[in-house]
Amino acid sequence: MKNKLCILVVASIFFCTLLSAQENQSGLLKQVEITIEGMACQAGCADAINKNLEKIQGVTGSSVSFANGKALVSYDPKTVKLDAIKAAIMGTKVKEYRYTITHIIKKE
């Protein structure tokens, strides 16, 4: 009886993991490239913005580059709205810098 229960639990975990992976591969996660103006350096501005993005529940990955003035953000639109991502960028505080978003490109 214990063996059957263990097999059932392991099979359930396996199939849940498989379904979760299929959801991500089927395009439920979104990715956007956001052009940001106002950053002065990588270590201060870009890294602070990236840290704030990673704190948002539903953001699955982010990378902010001062060199190209862009953020690449992957997120689950069921959990977080694009407006919250934009607010996190523009609301980041480093000295007196103000960050503005000039373009958003949705990646496929």
N, C-alpha and C. Protein backbone atom coordinates (compact mmCIF):
# COMPACT_ATOMS: atom_id res chain seq x y z
N MET A 1 0.83 -1.20 0.00
CA MET A 1 0.00 0.00 0.00
C MET A 1 0.87 1.26 0.00
N LYS A 2 1.93 1.24 0.82
CA LYS A 2 2.81 2.40 0.89
C LYS A 2 3.52 2.63 -0.44
N ASN A 3 3.89 1.56 -1.12
CA ASN A 3 4.57 1.68 -2.41
C ASN A 3 3.65 2.31 -3.45
N LYS A 4 2.39 1.91 -3.44
CA LYS A 4 1.44 2.48 -4.40
C LYS A 4 1.22 3.97 -4.13
N LEU A 5 1.17 4.34 -2.85
CA LEU A 5 0.99 5.74 -2.48
C LEU A 5 2.21 6.56 -2.91
N CYS A 6 3.40 6.03 -2.69
CA CYS A 6 4.62 6.73 -3.10
C CYS A 6 4.67 6.92 -4.61
N ILE A 7 4.29 5.88 -5.34
CA ILE A 7 4.28 5.98 -6.80
C ILE A 7 3.26 7.03 -7.26
N LEU A 8 2.12 7.06 -6.62
CA LEU A 8 1.09 8.04 -6.96
C LEU A 8 1.58 9.46 -6.70
N VAL A 9 2.24 9.68 -5.56
CA VAL A 9 2.76 11.01 -5.22
C VAL A 9 3.83 11.43 -6.22
N VAL A 10 4.76 10.55 -6.52
CA VAL A 10 5.83 10.87 -7.47
C VAL A 10 5.25 11.15 -8.85
N ALA A 11 4.30 10.36 -9.28
CA ALA A 11 3.67 10.57 -10.59
C ALA A 11 2.94 11.91 -10.62
N SER A 12 2.27 12.26 -9.55
CA SER A 12 1.55 13.55 -9.48
C SER A 12 2.53 14.72 -9.59
N ILE A 13 3.63 14.64 -8.87
CA ILE A 13 4.64 15.71 -8.93
C ILE A 13 5.21 15.80 -10.34
N PHE A 14 5.50 14.67 -10.94
CA PHE A 14 6.05 14.66 -12.30
C PHE A 14 5.10 15.31 -13.29
N PHE A 15 3.83 14.94 -13.26
CA PHE A 15 2.88 15.48 -14.22
C PHE A 15 2.59 16.96 -13.97
N CYS A 16 2.59 17.40 -12.71
CA CYS A 16 2.42 18.83 -12.42
C CYS A 16 3.59 19.63 -12.96
N THR A 17 4.80 19.11 -12.78
CA THR A 17 6.00 19.77 -13.31
C THR A 17 5.95 19.82 -14.83
N LEU A 18 5.55 18.73 -15.44
CA LEU A 18 5.45 18.66 -16.90
C LEU A 18 4.43 19.66 -17.43
N LEU A 19 3.27 19.75 -16.79
CA LEU A 19 2.25 20.70 -17.22
C LEU A 19 2.73 22.13 -17.05
N SER A 20 3.42 22.41 -15.96
CA SER A 20 3.94 23.77 -15.73
C SER A 20 4.94 24.15 -16.82
N ALA A 21 5.83 23.22 -17.17
CA ALA A 21 6.81 23.48 -18.23
C ALA A 21 6.12 23.71 -19.56
N GLN A 22 5.07 22.93 -19.84
CA GLN A 22 4.35 23.10 -21.09
C GLN A 22 3.64 24.46 -21.14
N GLU A 23 3.12 24.94 -20.00
CA GLU A 23 2.49 26.26 -19.98
C GLU A 23 3.49 27.34 -20.34
N ASN A 24 4.70 27.26 -19.79
CA ASN A 24 5.72 28.26 -20.08
C ASN A 24 6.14 28.19 -21.54
N GLN A 25 6.26 26.99 -22.09
CA GLN A 25 6.66 26.85 -23.48
C GLN A 25 5.56 27.26 -24.43
N SER A 26 4.32 27.18 -24.01
CA SER A 26 3.21 27.49 -24.91
C SER A 26 2.94 28.99 -24.99
N GLY A 27 3.76 29.79 -24.32
CA GLY A 27 3.63 31.22 -24.48
C GLY A 27 2.82 31.94 -23.44
N LEU A 28 2.58 31.32 -22.29
CA LEU A 28 1.84 32.02 -21.26
C LEU A 28 2.69 33.12 -20.62
N LEU A 29 4.00 32.95 -20.63
CA LEU A 29 4.89 34.00 -20.16
C LEU A 29 5.10 35.00 -21.29
N LYS A 30 5.18 36.26 -20.94
CA LYS A 30 5.41 37.33 -21.92
C LYS A 30 6.80 37.91 -21.70
N GLN A 31 7.33 38.51 -22.73
CA GLN A 31 8.62 39.17 -22.64
C GLN A 31 8.53 40.51 -23.36
N VAL A 32 9.08 41.54 -22.71
CA VAL A 32 9.10 42.87 -23.31
C VAL A 32 10.50 43.45 -23.24
N GLU A 33 10.79 44.27 -24.23
CA GLU A 33 12.02 45.05 -24.24
C GLU A 33 11.61 46.50 -24.02
N ILE A 34 12.13 47.11 -22.97
CA ILE A 34 11.72 48.46 -22.59
C ILE A 34 12.91 49.39 -22.71
N THR A 35 12.76 50.45 -23.49
CA THR A 35 13.82 51.45 -23.62
C THR A 35 13.64 52.48 -22.51
N ILE A 36 14.74 52.70 -21.77
CA ILE A 36 14.71 53.58 -20.60
C ILE A 36 15.69 54.73 -20.80
N GLU A 37 15.21 55.93 -20.61
CA GLU A 37 16.09 57.11 -20.64
C GLU A 37 16.30 57.61 -19.22
N GLY A 38 17.48 58.17 -18.97
CA GLY A 38 17.76 58.78 -17.69
C GLY A 38 18.76 58.03 -16.84
N MET A 39 19.20 56.86 -17.29
CA MET A 39 20.19 56.11 -16.52
C MET A 39 21.57 56.74 -16.71
N ALA A 40 22.33 56.78 -15.61
CA ALA A 40 23.66 57.39 -15.65
C ALA A 40 24.79 56.36 -15.62
N CYS A 41 24.51 55.15 -15.13
CA CYS A 41 25.54 54.12 -15.06
C CYS A 41 24.91 52.76 -14.82
N GLN A 42 25.72 51.71 -14.94
CA GLN A 42 25.23 50.35 -14.71
C GLN A 42 25.10 50.07 -13.22
N ALA A 43 26.17 50.36 -12.47
CA ALA A 43 26.23 49.97 -11.05
C ALA A 43 25.18 50.67 -10.19
N GLY A 44 24.79 51.86 -10.55
CA GLY A 44 23.78 52.57 -9.76
C GLY A 44 22.40 52.41 -10.36
N CYS A 45 22.17 53.07 -11.44
CA CYS A 45 20.82 53.14 -12.03
C CYS A 45 20.31 51.80 -12.55
N ALA A 46 21.02 51.21 -13.49
CA ALA A 46 20.53 49.98 -14.14
C ALA A 46 20.38 48.85 -13.13
N ASP A 47 21.35 48.68 -12.25
CA ASP A 47 21.26 47.61 -11.26
C ASP A 47 20.13 47.85 -10.27
N ALA A 48 19.88 49.10 -9.90
CA ALA A 48 18.77 49.42 -8.99
C ALA A 48 17.43 49.13 -9.65
N ILE A 49 17.29 49.49 -10.91
CA ILE A 49 16.05 49.19 -11.64
C ILE A 49 15.85 47.68 -11.72
N ASN A 50 16.92 46.96 -12.06
CA ASN A 50 16.83 45.50 -12.18
C ASN A 50 16.42 44.88 -10.83
N LYS A 51 16.99 45.36 -9.76
CA LYS A 51 16.65 44.84 -8.43
C LYS A 51 15.17 45.06 -8.12
N ASN A 52 14.64 46.22 -8.46
CA ASN A 52 13.22 46.50 -8.23
C ASN A 52 12.33 45.62 -9.10
N LEU A 53 12.73 45.37 -10.33
CA LEU A 53 11.95 44.50 -11.21
C LEU A 53 11.89 43.07 -10.66
N GLU A 54 13.02 42.59 -10.15
CA GLU A 54 13.08 41.23 -9.65
C GLU A 54 12.26 41.03 -8.37
N LYS A 55 11.91 42.11 -7.69
CA LYS A 55 11.09 42.02 -6.49
C LYS A 55 9.61 41.81 -6.80
N ILE A 56 9.21 42.07 -8.03
CA ILE A 56 7.80 42.01 -8.40
C ILE A 56 7.36 40.56 -8.58
N GLN A 57 6.32 40.18 -7.85
CA GLN A 57 5.76 38.84 -8.02
C GLN A 57 5.20 38.72 -9.43
N GLY A 58 5.62 37.69 -10.13
CA GLY A 58 5.18 37.49 -11.51
C GLY A 58 6.25 37.80 -12.53
N VAL A 59 7.28 38.55 -12.12
CA VAL A 59 8.42 38.78 -13.01
C VAL A 59 9.33 37.57 -12.86
N THR A 60 9.55 36.86 -13.95
CA THR A 60 10.34 35.64 -13.91
C THR A 60 11.80 35.85 -14.28
N GLY A 61 12.11 37.02 -14.81
CA GLY A 61 13.49 37.34 -15.15
C GLY A 61 13.59 38.75 -15.68
N SER A 62 14.72 39.39 -15.40
CA SER A 62 14.93 40.73 -15.94
C SER A 62 16.42 40.98 -16.10
N SER A 63 16.72 41.83 -17.05
CA SER A 63 18.10 42.24 -17.30
C SER A 63 18.05 43.69 -17.77
N VAL A 64 18.73 44.56 -17.05
CA VAL A 64 18.74 45.98 -17.40
C VAL A 64 20.15 46.37 -17.78
N SER A 65 20.31 47.01 -18.93
CA SER A 65 21.62 47.40 -19.43
C SER A 65 21.71 48.91 -19.61
N PHE A 66 22.65 49.50 -18.90
CA PHE A 66 22.92 50.92 -19.10
C PHE A 66 23.50 51.15 -20.50
N ALA A 67 24.36 50.25 -20.95
CA ALA A 67 25.05 50.40 -22.23
C ALA A 67 24.09 50.57 -23.40
N ASN A 68 22.99 49.81 -23.41
CA ASN A 68 22.06 49.95 -24.53
C ASN A 68 20.76 50.64 -24.10
N GLY A 69 20.66 51.02 -22.82
CA GLY A 69 19.49 51.76 -22.35
C GLY A 69 18.19 50.97 -22.38
N LYS A 70 18.31 49.65 -22.15
CA LYS A 70 17.12 48.80 -22.26
C LYS A 70 17.01 47.83 -21.10
N ALA A 71 15.76 47.44 -20.86
CA ALA A 71 15.47 46.36 -19.92
C ALA A 71 14.76 45.27 -20.70
N LEU A 72 15.13 44.04 -20.45
CA LEU A 72 14.45 42.89 -21.01
C LEU A 72 13.78 42.18 -19.84
N VAL A 73 12.46 42.09 -19.88
CA VAL A 73 11.70 41.57 -18.74
C VAL A 73 10.79 40.43 -19.20
N SER A 74 10.87 39.31 -18.50
CA SER A 74 9.96 38.18 -18.71
C SER A 74 9.00 38.16 -17.53
N TYR A 75 7.71 37.96 -17.83
CA TYR A 75 6.73 38.01 -16.75
C TYR A 75 5.50 37.18 -17.09
N ASP A 76 4.76 36.87 -16.03
CA ASP A 76 3.50 36.13 -16.16
C ASP A 76 2.36 37.15 -16.12
N PRO A 77 1.69 37.37 -17.24
CA PRO A 77 0.63 38.38 -17.27
C PRO A 77 -0.58 38.04 -16.41
N LYS A 78 -0.68 36.79 -15.96
CA LYS A 78 -1.76 36.43 -15.05
C LYS A 78 -1.48 36.95 -13.64
N THR A 79 -0.20 37.18 -13.35
CA THR A 79 0.21 37.58 -12.01
C THR A 79 0.52 39.07 -11.92
N VAL A 80 1.11 39.63 -12.96
CA VAL A 80 1.53 41.03 -12.93
C VAL A 80 1.17 41.72 -14.25
N LYS A 81 0.75 42.95 -14.16
CA LYS A 81 0.41 43.75 -15.33
C LYS A 81 1.63 44.56 -15.78
N LEU A 82 1.67 44.88 -17.05
CA LEU A 82 2.76 45.67 -17.60
C LEU A 82 2.86 47.03 -16.91
N ASP A 83 1.73 47.59 -16.49
CA ASP A 83 1.74 48.87 -15.79
C ASP A 83 2.55 48.81 -14.49
N ALA A 84 2.51 47.69 -13.80
CA ALA A 84 3.28 47.53 -12.56
C ALA A 84 4.78 47.49 -12.86
N ILE A 85 5.13 46.88 -13.97
CA ILE A 85 6.53 46.82 -14.39
C ILE A 85 7.03 48.22 -14.73
N LYS A 86 6.21 48.95 -15.48
CA LYS A 86 6.58 50.34 -15.84
C LYS A 86 6.70 51.20 -14.58
N ALA A 87 5.79 51.03 -13.65
CA ALA A 87 5.81 51.82 -12.40
C ALA A 87 7.07 51.52 -11.59
N ALA A 88 7.51 50.26 -11.57
CA ALA A 88 8.73 49.90 -10.85
C ALA A 88 9.95 50.57 -11.46
N ILE A 89 9.97 50.66 -12.78
CA ILE A 89 11.10 51.32 -13.46
C ILE A 89 11.10 52.81 -13.15
N MET A 90 9.98 53.45 -13.40
CA MET A 90 9.92 54.91 -13.22
C MET A 90 9.97 55.31 -11.75
N GLY A 91 9.62 54.40 -10.85
CA GLY A 91 9.63 54.71 -9.43
C GLY A 91 10.94 54.41 -8.74
N THR A 92 11.90 53.86 -9.46
CA THR A 92 13.21 53.57 -8.86
C THR A 92 13.89 54.88 -8.48
N LYS A 93 14.42 54.92 -7.27
CA LYS A 93 15.06 56.15 -6.77
C LYS A 93 16.56 55.92 -6.61
N VAL A 94 17.33 56.66 -7.37
CA VAL A 94 18.77 56.72 -7.23
C VAL A 94 19.14 58.18 -7.36
N LYS A 95 19.62 58.75 -6.27
CA LYS A 95 19.93 60.18 -6.22
C LYS A 95 18.74 60.97 -6.75
N GLU A 96 18.99 61.86 -7.68
CA GLU A 96 17.92 62.70 -8.25
C GLU A 96 17.54 62.28 -9.66
N TYR A 97 17.97 61.09 -10.06
CA TYR A 97 17.70 60.64 -11.42
C TYR A 97 16.21 60.32 -11.62
N ARG A 98 15.73 60.63 -12.81
CA ARG A 98 14.37 60.29 -13.20
C ARG A 98 14.46 59.42 -14.44
N TYR A 99 13.70 58.35 -14.42
CA TYR A 99 13.73 57.41 -15.52
C TYR A 99 12.42 57.50 -16.30
N THR A 100 12.56 57.57 -17.60
CA THR A 100 11.38 57.60 -18.46
C THR A 100 11.45 56.43 -19.44
N ILE A 101 10.29 55.96 -19.79
CA ILE A 101 10.18 54.85 -20.74
C ILE A 101 9.80 55.44 -22.09
N THR A 102 10.62 55.17 -23.10
CA THR A 102 10.35 55.76 -24.41
C THR A 102 9.75 54.75 -25.39
N HIS A 103 10.07 53.47 -25.23
CA HIS A 103 9.52 52.44 -26.13
C HIS A 103 9.33 51.13 -25.37
N ILE A 104 8.30 50.42 -25.78
CA ILE A 104 8.09 49.06 -25.27
C ILE A 104 7.82 48.17 -26.48
N ILE A 105 8.63 47.14 -26.60
CA ILE A 105 8.47 46.19 -27.70
C ILE A 105 8.12 44.84 -27.09
N LYS A 106 6.98 44.30 -27.48
CA LYS A 106 6.58 42.98 -27.00
C LYS A 106 7.27 41.94 -27.86
N LYS A 107 7.97 41.03 -27.20
CA LYS A 107 8.69 39.95 -27.89
C LYS A 107 7.76 38.76 -28.04
N GLU A 108 7.97 38.02 -29.06
CA GLU A 108 7.14 36.81 -29.31
C GLU A 108 7.94 35.59 -28.98
